[in-house]
Each structure stands twice: as C-alpha cells, then as structure tokens.
Amino acid sequence: MELFREGLSKGARVKAIADLIGICSRTLRRWGMAYEAYGFSQDHRKGSPRVVAHRFSEEERQQVLETVNDSRFADLTPAQIVAILAEERIYVGSESTIYRIMRQEGLLNHRGRTRLPREPREVPVLEATGIHQVLAWDITLLPGPFKGQFYYLYMGTPEKRPTPYLAVTGV
C-alpha cells in the first residue's frame, strides 16, 4: 500500500498502478480503503493464501486419516463414519472436514470391500446375410376414439413373410 500511496503522490493514475502490480484497479481501491480504516489490508481474492485459526493440526489430521483407514470403516462413507462415531460419543471432525482431508490425500477413490464398477459392455451388432436371420418386433399402445380404449399396434417380421407388416387389434 505504501507503493500505491507513493505512486498516487507522484501523479500516477490508479489504473496504471494496478496494471503494474497486476491486479484490478477496483481491488486496489478496496485495499486502500481497508488500509485507511484498519491500518492493514488482506488479500480476499479467491485462491489467495489465508491463515485459518481453526485449521486442523497435523495430529488431528492424522487422527482423521487413521479413523478413515481403520478396518471398521474401510467400506463406509464419511457420513456413515461420523454417524457411527457420534453414537460412540467420539468426534474426530465434521463430515465436510473428513471429505476435504480424504480428497487432499487421494482417498476418495473406490473404498473397501464393495465391488468395483463394471466396465461398459459393447453393444452387440447384428448382421443379416439372408432372410430371417435378424428379426425385430414392437408393440405400441395407440389411443382409441373413446377415453380408456386403446389399440395394440404390432410390428414385426413373421417367419413366413420376409417383409415387415402392421397389425392393429382393439383392447
């Protein structure tokens, strides 16, 4: 902020100083107002490093990791782990804290004894080289002239006819 004040006193524009520093001029003005009001300014931009007073210590973080990796909780989600520990009157952290620590440690992949997701199978491709090798059919309900009356529409290839046909029957 001292450089900002010095630049203004020498006649430089706010926009030029902000461009030189690499931040928006509105951010620089806001920091200047906070500096005048409180004597200091903090970087409140998204992603800027912050000092968090209630951040978990390394011991608390290790306790969360040991709890999550315990064989008792190997196949459970953090929500289930927190619920079980709450019944036992044990608190290691909130659900969101456990999720955050697991994400940072790369533990949010597949967990426990549950089966891995299956690979998608290939869709079968049918190829007909002659008559009646691949048959298809469909039944569709069509609305009738009165409420509650429907017609079945059958479409298919019967064995004795090589071309598709339509048949409509009433219900």
Protein backbone atom coordinates (compact mmCIF):
# COMPACT_ATOMS: atom_id res chain seq x y z
CA MET A 1 0.00 0.00 0.00
CA GLU A 2 2.98 2.28 0.57
CA LEU A 3 3.92 1.86 -3.11
CA PHE A 4 0.34 2.66 -4.07
CA ARG A 5 0.34 5.83 -1.93
CA GLU A 6 3.75 6.87 -3.28
CA GLY A 7 2.59 6.36 -6.88
CA LEU A 8 -0.52 8.48 -6.28
CA SER A 9 1.53 11.23 -4.67
CA LYS A 10 3.85 11.31 -7.74
CA GLY A 11 0.83 11.74 -10.02
CA ALA A 12 0.33 8.23 -11.38
CA ARG A 13 -3.20 7.04 -12.14
CA VAL A 14 -4.79 4.22 -10.10
CA LYS A 15 -5.34 2.18 -13.28
CA ALA A 16 -1.65 2.42 -14.24
CA ILE A 17 -0.51 1.35 -10.76
CA ALA A 18 -2.98 -1.56 -10.73
CA ASP A 19 -1.81 -2.72 -14.17
CA LEU A 20 1.81 -2.51 -12.99
CA ILE A 21 1.05 -4.66 -9.91
CA GLY A 22 -1.19 -7.00 -11.94
CA ILE A 23 -4.50 -6.57 -10.12
CA CYS A 24 -7.81 -4.86 -10.84
CA SER A 25 -8.00 -1.14 -10.02
CA ARG A 26 -11.20 -1.72 -8.01
CA THR A 27 -9.36 -4.28 -5.85
CA LEU A 28 -6.55 -1.79 -5.28
CA ARG A 29 -9.05 0.91 -4.25
CA ARG A 30 -10.82 -1.51 -1.89
CA TRP A 31 -7.49 -2.46 -0.30
CA GLY A 32 -6.69 1.25 0.07
CA MET A 33 -9.97 1.86 1.92
CA ALA A 34 -9.31 -1.11 4.24
CA TYR A 35 -5.77 0.16 4.82
CA GLU A 36 -7.05 3.60 5.78
CA ALA A 37 -9.75 2.16 8.06
CA TYR A 38 -7.81 -0.62 9.82
CA GLY A 39 -4.14 0.11 9.11
CA PHE A 40 -3.73 -3.15 7.17
CA SER A 41 -5.31 -4.95 4.24
CA GLN A 42 -5.78 -8.63 3.42
CA ASP A 43 -5.98 -10.30 0.05
CA HIS A 44 -9.57 -11.60 -0.13
CA ARG A 45 -9.36 -12.82 -3.71
CA LYS A 46 -10.35 -16.41 -4.44
CA GLY A 47 -7.39 -18.76 -4.08
CA SER A 48 -5.22 -16.39 -2.08
CA PRO A 49 -3.36 -17.95 0.87
CA ARG A 50 -5.15 -17.42 4.16
CA VAL A 51 -4.32 -18.01 7.79
CA VAL A 52 -7.15 -20.06 9.30
CA ALA A 53 -7.19 -20.09 13.10
CA HIS A 54 -9.31 -23.23 13.42
CA ARG A 55 -7.37 -25.34 10.88
CA PHE A 56 -6.66 -28.91 11.99
CA SER A 57 -3.22 -29.54 13.43
CA GLU A 58 -1.11 -32.33 11.98
CA GLU A 59 -2.03 -34.62 14.92
CA GLU A 60 -5.77 -34.04 14.39
CA ARG A 61 -5.34 -34.65 10.68
CA GLN A 62 -3.51 -37.93 11.39
CA GLN A 63 -6.32 -38.98 13.72
CA VAL A 64 -8.87 -38.44 10.93
CA LEU A 65 -6.74 -40.45 8.50
CA GLU A 66 -6.29 -43.30 11.00
CA THR A 67 -10.04 -43.36 11.64
CA VAL A 68 -10.92 -43.38 7.96
CA ASN A 69 -8.38 -46.12 7.20
CA ASP A 70 -9.48 -48.29 10.14
CA SER A 71 -10.73 -51.71 9.01
CA ARG A 72 -14.06 -50.97 10.72
CA PHE A 73 -14.71 -48.04 8.41
CA ALA A 74 -12.97 -49.33 5.28
CA ASP A 75 -16.11 -49.51 3.14
CA LEU A 76 -18.11 -46.65 4.68
CA THR A 77 -18.66 -43.08 3.55
CA PRO A 78 -17.66 -40.13 5.76
CA ALA A 79 -21.35 -39.53 6.56
CA GLN A 80 -21.66 -43.08 7.91
CA ILE A 81 -18.36 -42.81 9.79
CA VAL A 82 -19.45 -39.58 11.51
CA ALA A 83 -22.81 -41.14 12.46
CA ILE A 84 -21.20 -44.26 13.97
CA LEU A 85 -18.65 -42.20 15.89
CA ALA A 86 -21.40 -39.86 17.15
CA GLU A 87 -23.23 -42.85 18.64
CA GLU A 88 -19.99 -43.78 20.40
CA ARG A 89 -19.58 -40.15 21.54
CA ILE A 90 -16.32 -39.74 19.61
CA TYR A 91 -15.66 -36.65 17.49
CA VAL A 92 -12.78 -36.56 15.02
CA GLY A 93 -14.18 -33.95 12.63
CA SER A 94 -17.21 -32.92 10.64
CA GLU A 95 -18.32 -34.78 7.54
CA SER A 96 -17.10 -31.99 5.27
CA THR A 97 -13.71 -31.88 7.04
CA ILE A 98 -13.31 -35.63 6.60
CA TYR A 99 -14.24 -35.33 2.92
CA ARG A 100 -11.73 -32.48 2.48
CA ILE A 101 -8.88 -34.41 4.13
CA MET A 102 -9.72 -37.55 2.14
CA ARG A 103 -9.76 -35.52 -1.10
CA GLN A 104 -6.37 -33.99 -0.28
CA GLU A 105 -4.91 -37.43 0.48
CA GLY A 106 -6.45 -39.07 -2.61
CA LEU A 107 -8.66 -41.42 -0.59
CA LEU A 108 -11.96 -40.66 -2.32
CA ASN A 109 -11.44 -43.39 -4.89
CA HIS A 110 -13.17 -46.76 -4.60
CA ARG A 111 -13.11 -47.84 -0.94
CA GLY A 112 -13.47 -51.10 0.91
CA ARG A 113 -14.81 -54.50 0.01
CA THR A 114 -17.57 -53.40 -2.33
CA ARG A 115 -17.28 -54.46 -5.94
CA LEU A 116 -15.58 -52.23 -8.45
CA PRO A 117 -17.80 -50.67 -11.09
CA ARG A 118 -18.12 -52.85 -14.16
CA GLU A 119 -16.74 -51.81 -17.50
CA PRO A 120 -19.46 -50.98 -20.02
CA ARG A 121 -20.02 -53.87 -22.40
CA GLU A 122 -20.05 -53.49 -26.14
CA VAL A 123 -23.41 -53.18 -27.83
CA PRO A 124 -23.95 -56.26 -29.98
CA VAL A 125 -24.04 -55.57 -33.70
CA LEU A 126 -26.30 -57.90 -35.66
CA GLU A 127 -25.65 -58.53 -39.33
CA ALA A 128 -28.06 -60.39 -41.59
CA THR A 129 -26.73 -62.08 -44.70
CA GLY A 130 -30.04 -63.75 -45.58
CA ILE A 131 -33.77 -63.87 -44.86
CA HIS A 132 -34.98 -64.47 -41.26
CA GLN A 133 -31.53 -64.16 -39.64
CA VAL A 134 -32.34 -60.98 -37.71
CA LEU A 135 -35.96 -60.48 -36.65
CA ALA A 136 -37.39 -57.39 -34.94
CA TRP A 137 -40.79 -56.56 -33.48
CA ASP A 138 -42.54 -53.90 -31.45
CA ILE A 139 -45.90 -53.47 -29.68
CA THR A 140 -47.20 -49.96 -29.14
CA LEU A 141 -50.43 -48.74 -27.50
CA LEU A 142 -52.41 -46.31 -29.63
CA PRO A 143 -55.26 -44.20 -28.20
CA GLY A 144 -58.74 -45.18 -29.42
CA PRO A 145 -61.72 -42.97 -30.20
CA PHE A 146 -63.04 -43.12 -26.60
CA LYS A 147 -61.37 -42.49 -23.26
CA GLY A 148 -59.88 -45.74 -21.90
CA GLN A 149 -59.97 -47.53 -25.27
CA PHE A 150 -56.63 -48.40 -26.84
CA TYR A 151 -55.37 -50.32 -29.82
CA TYR A 152 -52.29 -52.52 -29.89
CA LEU A 153 -50.07 -51.88 -32.87
CA TYR A 154 -47.92 -54.90 -33.66
CA MET A 155 -44.99 -54.51 -35.98
CA GLY A 156 -42.68 -57.34 -36.78
CA THR A 157 -41.39 -59.81 -39.30
CA PRO A 158 -43.20 -63.16 -39.09
CA GLU A 159 -41.47 -66.32 -40.20
CA LYS A 160 -43.44 -66.82 -43.40
CA ARG A 161 -43.32 -63.18 -44.59
CA PRO A 162 -39.92 -61.65 -45.43
CA THR A 163 -41.18 -58.02 -45.20
CA PRO A 164 -42.38 -56.21 -42.09
CA TYR A 165 -46.15 -55.93 -41.57
CA LEU A 166 -48.52 -53.96 -39.34
CA ALA A 167 -51.48 -55.36 -37.41
CA VAL A 168 -53.91 -53.35 -35.27
CA THR A 169 -56.15 -55.04 -32.72
CA GLY A 170 -58.52 -53.42 -30.25
CA VAL A 171 -58.46 -53.83 -26.48
